[in-house]
Amino acid sequence: MACLFLNYTNRTVMREALPVSVKFLHKGNRELCRNVTSYLPLAAIENPDLLAKYVQPIIDSVIGGNYPLARVLPQIYTLNRERIQEHVMALASILPKCESNDKLALLQLFTLVAGDNAMLLEPSLPQLLECLKLYQTTTQALQVFLAMSNSSRLVAEQMSKIKSATDVNVNCIGSVAEVLRSIGSSFKDKNAEALTHLVNLLKKEDLEATTQGQVLREVLILCQNNGNLVNGTLIERLRMLCSNSCHIPLIDKLSGTGLVVNVFLNLLTCQ
């Protein structure tokens, strides 16, 4: 089998090898199953369309406990969307059992699914939220929430939990800010809450100027779409929170709330 998959770039060989190889996933031989699992990602690189024909036995194997095989699913998703979407809940249910790399593969898949139909993932929010609590998976989990944030009311109700991801992984502050802004822009009744969370992100200790700029950029976008959020209190709070960065001189130029958008636009170039 190893010799066959050394020719994974050879489409003719893969066309003959894949039907036989996939059958070994369900023959009860752990060694053969492990070997096939390690080889199929190679086939997915060069010939995803050939592998996509066997998406059902692949999904069955993953759900049955062969979690590393999940790594091929993002590569073949666009070639067999409907079949994979039918099993989203079952795939999400195994997240707690997977190793970090396998979780990342599933989260990458769910990001693609959410881009097509975020509602399919709503029943699996508890499992997705748990991934925000793990340093290794926070960034990719946030990509799932970002893809869901402009259409899922249930995700909009989870802003506090999404913000808490920054307590686990400080490097994801920019991603958290993007999700919060997206929710605030998509659901008018959530824009004030989103702004509050964004401003609170600026209170993080030792926040780098670059990260601070990312958060301010999301504040800008949110305020542009929701002018009612802009007031003197907001400007004063931003001035206080940004007192140790290159952004404060721009904020200090404010002479009235009407200038806030122009000042924030200038912030985009202050990096």
Protein backbone atom coordinates (compact mmCIF):
# COMPACT_ATOMS: atom_id res chain seq x y z
CA MET A 1 0.00 0.00 0.00
CA ALA A 2 2.84 2.37 0.81
CA CYS A 3 4.21 1.87 -2.69
CA LEU A 4 0.85 2.75 -4.19
CA PHE A 5 0.57 6.01 -2.31
CA LEU A 6 4.09 7.02 -3.23
CA ASN A 7 2.36 7.68 -6.54
CA TYR A 8 -0.31 9.91 -5.01
CA THR A 9 0.30 12.48 -7.74
CA ASN A 10 -0.50 9.87 -10.39
CA ARG A 11 -4.22 10.17 -11.03
CA THR A 12 -4.47 6.84 -12.83
CA VAL A 13 -2.93 4.97 -9.91
CA MET A 14 -5.12 6.77 -7.36
CA ARG A 15 -8.24 6.01 -9.38
CA GLU A 16 -7.51 2.30 -8.93
CA ALA A 17 -6.06 2.44 -5.42
CA LEU A 18 -8.64 4.54 -3.58
CA PRO A 19 -11.69 2.23 -3.90
CA VAL A 20 -9.70 -0.66 -2.43
CA SER A 21 -7.95 1.41 0.22
CA VAL A 22 -11.12 2.97 1.58
CA LYS A 23 -12.60 -0.49 2.16
CA PHE A 24 -9.85 -1.21 4.68
CA LEU A 25 -11.24 1.53 6.94
CA HIS A 26 -14.02 -0.85 7.95
CA LYS A 27 -12.35 -4.28 7.91
CA GLY A 28 -11.51 -4.32 11.61
CA ASN A 29 -7.75 -4.42 11.10
CA ARG A 30 -6.38 -1.52 13.15
CA GLU A 31 -2.97 -1.53 11.51
CA LEU A 32 -4.42 -1.38 8.01
CA CYS A 33 -6.91 1.28 9.08
CA ARG A 34 -4.10 3.37 10.59
CA ASN A 35 -2.04 3.06 7.43
CA VAL A 36 -4.92 4.03 5.16
CA THR A 37 -5.67 6.98 7.43
CA SER A 38 -2.12 8.25 7.06
CA TYR A 39 -2.13 7.84 3.28
CA LEU A 40 -5.50 9.31 2.32
CA PRO A 41 -4.49 12.92 3.09
CA LEU A 42 -1.85 12.56 0.37
CA ALA A 43 -4.52 11.55 -2.13
CA ALA A 44 -6.66 14.47 -1.02
CA ILE A 45 -3.88 16.93 -1.87
CA GLU A 46 -3.68 16.03 -5.55
CA ASN A 47 -6.95 14.25 -6.26
CA PRO A 48 -9.64 15.49 -3.88
CA ASP A 49 -12.36 14.82 -6.43
CA LEU A 50 -11.50 11.13 -6.52
CA LEU A 51 -11.52 10.90 -2.74
CA ALA A 52 -14.78 12.85 -2.42
CA LYS A 53 -16.61 9.92 -4.01
CA TYR A 54 -15.97 7.98 -0.81
CA VAL A 55 -17.00 10.66 1.66
CA GLN A 56 -19.63 8.48 3.35
CA PRO A 57 -17.28 5.66 4.43
CA ILE A 58 -14.77 8.32 5.47
CA ILE A 59 -17.34 10.08 7.65
CA ASP A 60 -18.49 6.77 9.11
CA SER A 61 -14.90 5.94 10.01
CA VAL A 62 -14.36 9.32 11.67
CA ILE A 63 -17.57 9.14 13.69
CA GLY A 64 -16.69 5.56 14.60
CA GLY A 65 -13.52 6.69 16.36
CA ASN A 66 -10.93 7.15 13.62
CA TYR A 67 -10.58 10.83 14.47
CA PRO A 68 -7.31 11.55 12.60
CA LEU A 69 -9.11 10.84 9.32
CA ALA A 70 -11.08 14.06 9.89
CA ARG A 71 -8.11 15.90 8.38
CA VAL A 72 -9.23 15.03 4.86
CA LEU A 73 -12.76 16.42 5.28
CA PRO A 74 -11.92 20.12 4.75
CA GLN A 75 -10.08 19.18 1.56
CA ILE A 76 -13.07 17.42 0.03
CA TYR A 77 -15.92 19.48 1.53
CA THR A 78 -16.56 21.68 -1.49
CA LEU A 79 -16.86 18.58 -3.67
CA ASN A 80 -19.59 16.93 -1.61
CA ARG A 81 -21.14 19.63 0.59
CA GLU A 82 -24.57 18.12 1.13
CA ARG A 83 -23.36 14.72 2.30
CA ILE A 84 -20.97 16.26 4.84
CA GLN A 85 -23.58 18.77 6.01
CA GLU A 86 -25.92 15.88 6.82
CA HIS A 87 -23.43 14.71 9.45
CA VAL A 88 -22.36 18.02 11.00
CA MET A 89 -23.98 17.37 14.37
CA ALA A 90 -22.43 13.91 14.65
CA LEU A 91 -19.01 15.27 13.69
CA ALA A 92 -19.29 18.10 16.21
CA SER A 93 -20.25 15.65 18.93
CA ILE A 94 -16.84 13.98 18.75
CA LEU A 95 -14.89 17.21 19.29
CA PRO A 96 -14.37 16.56 23.03
CA LYS A 97 -12.84 13.16 22.22
CA CYS A 98 -10.35 14.39 19.61
CA GLU A 99 -6.71 15.37 19.95
CA SER A 100 -5.84 18.99 19.21
CA ASN A 101 -4.85 18.43 15.57
CA ASP A 102 -8.03 16.53 14.87
CA LYS A 103 -10.09 19.24 16.57
CA LEU A 104 -8.42 21.83 14.35
CA ALA A 105 -9.34 19.84 11.23
CA LEU A 106 -12.97 19.61 12.30
CA LEU A 107 -13.08 23.32 13.17
CA GLN A 108 -11.65 24.14 9.76
CA LEU A 109 -14.43 22.04 8.25
CA PHE A 110 -17.07 23.77 10.37
CA THR A 111 -15.80 27.17 9.23
CA LEU A 112 -16.55 26.10 5.66
CA VAL A 113 -19.95 24.75 6.66
CA ALA A 114 -20.82 27.94 8.54
CA GLY A 115 -20.01 29.96 5.45
CA ASP A 116 -22.69 28.01 3.59
CA ASN A 117 -25.28 27.56 6.32
CA ALA A 118 -24.54 28.74 9.85
CA MET A 119 -27.82 27.33 11.18
CA LEU A 120 -26.50 23.79 10.74
CA LEU A 121 -24.01 24.42 13.52
CA GLU A 122 -26.35 26.06 16.03
CA PRO A 123 -27.24 22.77 17.76
CA SER A 124 -23.49 22.22 18.28
CA LEU A 125 -22.74 25.55 19.98
CA PRO A 126 -21.89 23.90 23.34
CA GLN A 127 -19.09 21.86 21.74
CA LEU A 128 -17.85 24.87 19.76
CA LEU A 129 -17.81 27.07 22.85
CA GLU A 130 -15.71 24.48 24.68
CA CYS A 131 -13.06 24.89 21.97
CA LEU A 132 -12.71 28.53 23.03
CA LYS A 133 -11.42 27.30 26.38
CA LEU A 134 -8.42 25.50 24.87
CA TYR A 135 -5.36 27.50 23.86
CA GLN A 136 -4.66 25.29 20.83
CA THR A 137 -8.14 25.69 19.35
CA THR A 138 -9.25 29.22 20.26
CA THR A 139 -8.10 30.84 17.02
CA GLN A 140 -9.74 28.31 14.69
CA ALA A 141 -12.91 28.17 16.81
CA LEU A 142 -13.18 31.95 16.49
CA GLN A 143 -13.13 31.56 12.72
CA VAL A 144 -16.20 29.34 13.02
CA PHE A 145 -17.96 31.95 15.15
CA LEU A 146 -16.97 34.70 12.74
CA ALA A 147 -18.54 32.77 9.86
CA MET A 148 -21.71 32.35 11.94
CA SER A 149 -21.80 35.82 13.47
CA ASN A 150 -23.67 37.69 10.75
CA SER A 151 -26.67 35.36 10.64
CA SER A 152 -26.94 33.35 13.86
CA ARG A 153 -28.96 34.91 16.67
CA LEU A 154 -27.77 32.18 19.03
CA VAL A 155 -24.14 33.17 18.43
CA ALA A 156 -25.09 36.80 19.08
CA GLU A 157 -26.21 35.72 22.56
CA GLN A 158 -22.74 34.35 23.35
CA MET A 159 -20.65 37.52 23.28
CA SER A 160 -19.45 37.22 26.87
CA LYS A 161 -18.22 33.68 26.28
CA ILE A 162 -16.58 34.67 23.00
CA LYS A 163 -14.79 37.55 24.72
CA SER A 164 -13.56 35.18 27.44
CA ALA A 165 -11.39 33.44 24.83
CA THR A 166 -8.90 36.27 25.34
CA ASP A 167 -8.34 35.01 28.89
CA VAL A 168 -7.15 31.71 27.42
CA ASN A 169 -5.16 33.02 24.47
CA VAL A 170 -4.17 36.69 24.51
CA ASN A 171 -3.00 36.39 20.91
CA CYS A 172 -6.59 36.07 19.72
CA ILE A 173 -7.76 39.51 20.87
CA GLY A 174 -7.91 40.79 17.29
CA SER A 175 -10.02 37.82 16.19
CA VAL A 176 -12.36 38.22 19.15
CA ALA A 177 -12.78 41.90 18.31
CA GLU A 178 -13.69 41.01 14.73
CA VAL A 179 -16.37 38.56 15.85
CA LEU A 180 -17.85 41.03 18.36
CA ARG A 181 -17.97 43.80 15.75
CA SER A 182 -19.61 41.48 13.24
CA ILE A 183 -22.32 40.60 15.75
CA GLY A 184 -22.89 44.26 16.61
CA SER A 185 -23.10 45.22 12.95
CA SER A 186 -25.48 42.38 12.10
CA PHE A 187 -27.89 42.67 15.04
CA LYS A 188 -28.88 46.24 15.85
CA ASP A 189 -30.11 45.34 19.32
CA LYS A 190 -26.62 44.00 20.11
CA ASN A 191 -24.51 46.92 18.88
CA ALA A 192 -24.22 48.67 22.27
CA GLU A 193 -23.27 45.43 24.01
CA ALA A 194 -20.72 44.69 21.30
CA LEU A 195 -19.19 48.15 21.71
CA THR A 196 -18.95 47.66 25.47
CA HIS A 197 -17.08 44.40 24.99
CA LEU A 198 -14.75 46.00 22.44
CA VAL A 199 -13.89 48.87 24.76
CA ASN A 200 -13.30 46.39 27.58
CA LEU A 201 -10.78 44.58 25.38
CA LEU A 202 -8.74 47.77 25.40
CA LYS A 203 -8.45 47.43 29.17
CA LYS A 204 -6.25 44.35 28.83
CA GLU A 205 -2.88 44.83 30.49
CA ASP A 206 0.24 45.19 28.36
CA LEU A 207 -1.79 45.45 25.17
CA GLU A 208 0.54 45.97 22.23
CA ALA A 209 -0.03 48.95 19.97
CA THR A 210 -0.70 46.69 16.98
CA THR A 211 -3.37 44.74 18.85
CA GLN A 212 -4.84 47.95 20.19
CA GLY A 213 -5.08 49.20 16.62
CA GLN A 214 -6.92 46.03 15.59
CA VAL A 215 -9.53 46.55 18.30
CA LEU A 216 -9.90 50.23 17.46
CA ARG A 217 -10.39 49.32 13.82
CA GLU A 218 -13.36 47.17 14.77
CA VAL A 219 -14.73 50.01 16.92
CA LEU A 220 -14.47 52.26 13.86
CA ILE A 221 -16.42 49.89 11.64
CA LEU A 222 -19.10 49.39 14.28
CA CYS A 223 -19.47 53.15 14.86
CA GLN A 224 -19.62 53.90 11.16
CA ASN A 225 -22.67 51.68 10.86
CA ASN A 226 -24.21 52.79 14.15
CA GLY A 227 -23.74 56.52 14.61
CA ASN A 228 -25.92 56.52 17.73
CA LEU A 229 -23.07 54.82 19.60
CA VAL A 230 -20.74 57.80 19.24
CA ASN A 231 -20.73 60.22 22.19
CA GLY A 232 -18.39 62.17 24.42
CA THR A 233 -18.19 59.38 26.96
CA LEU A 234 -16.92 56.95 24.36
CA ILE A 235 -14.27 59.39 23.17
CA GLU A 236 -13.09 60.06 26.73
CA ARG A 237 -12.86 56.38 27.54
CA LEU A 238 -10.84 55.73 24.38
CA ARG A 239 -8.53 58.60 25.27
CA MET A 240 -7.90 57.12 28.71
CA LEU A 241 -7.43 53.56 27.50
CA CYS A 242 -5.05 54.54 24.71
CA SER A 243 -2.85 56.84 26.79
CA ASN A 244 0.26 54.72 26.21
CA SER A 245 0.08 54.26 22.46
CA CYS A 246 0.61 56.21 19.25
CA HIS A 247 -3.15 56.47 18.91
CA ILE A 248 -3.69 59.01 21.71
CA PRO A 249 -2.51 62.09 19.74
CA LEU A 250 -5.21 61.41 17.18
CA ILE A 251 -7.90 60.99 19.80
CA ASP A 252 -6.77 64.20 21.53
CA LYS A 253 -7.50 66.14 18.34
CA LEU A 254 -11.19 65.53 18.85
CA SER A 255 -13.11 68.73 19.38
CA GLY A 256 -16.53 67.16 19.06
CA THR A 257 -18.22 63.84 18.54
CA GLY A 258 -18.74 64.57 14.86
CA LEU A 259 -15.00 64.07 14.26
CA VAL A 260 -14.82 60.58 15.67
CA VAL A 261 -15.08 58.74 12.35
CA ASN A 262 -12.33 60.83 10.75
CA VAL A 263 -10.09 60.27 13.74
CA PHE A 264 -10.65 56.53 13.64
CA LEU A 265 -9.88 56.52 9.93
CA ASN A 266 -6.55 58.09 10.78
CA LEU A 267 -6.01 55.34 13.34
CA LEU A 268 -5.91 52.80 10.51
CA THR A 269 -2.65 54.32 9.28
CA CYS A 270 -1.09 54.71 12.69
CA GLN A 271 0.59 51.30 12.83
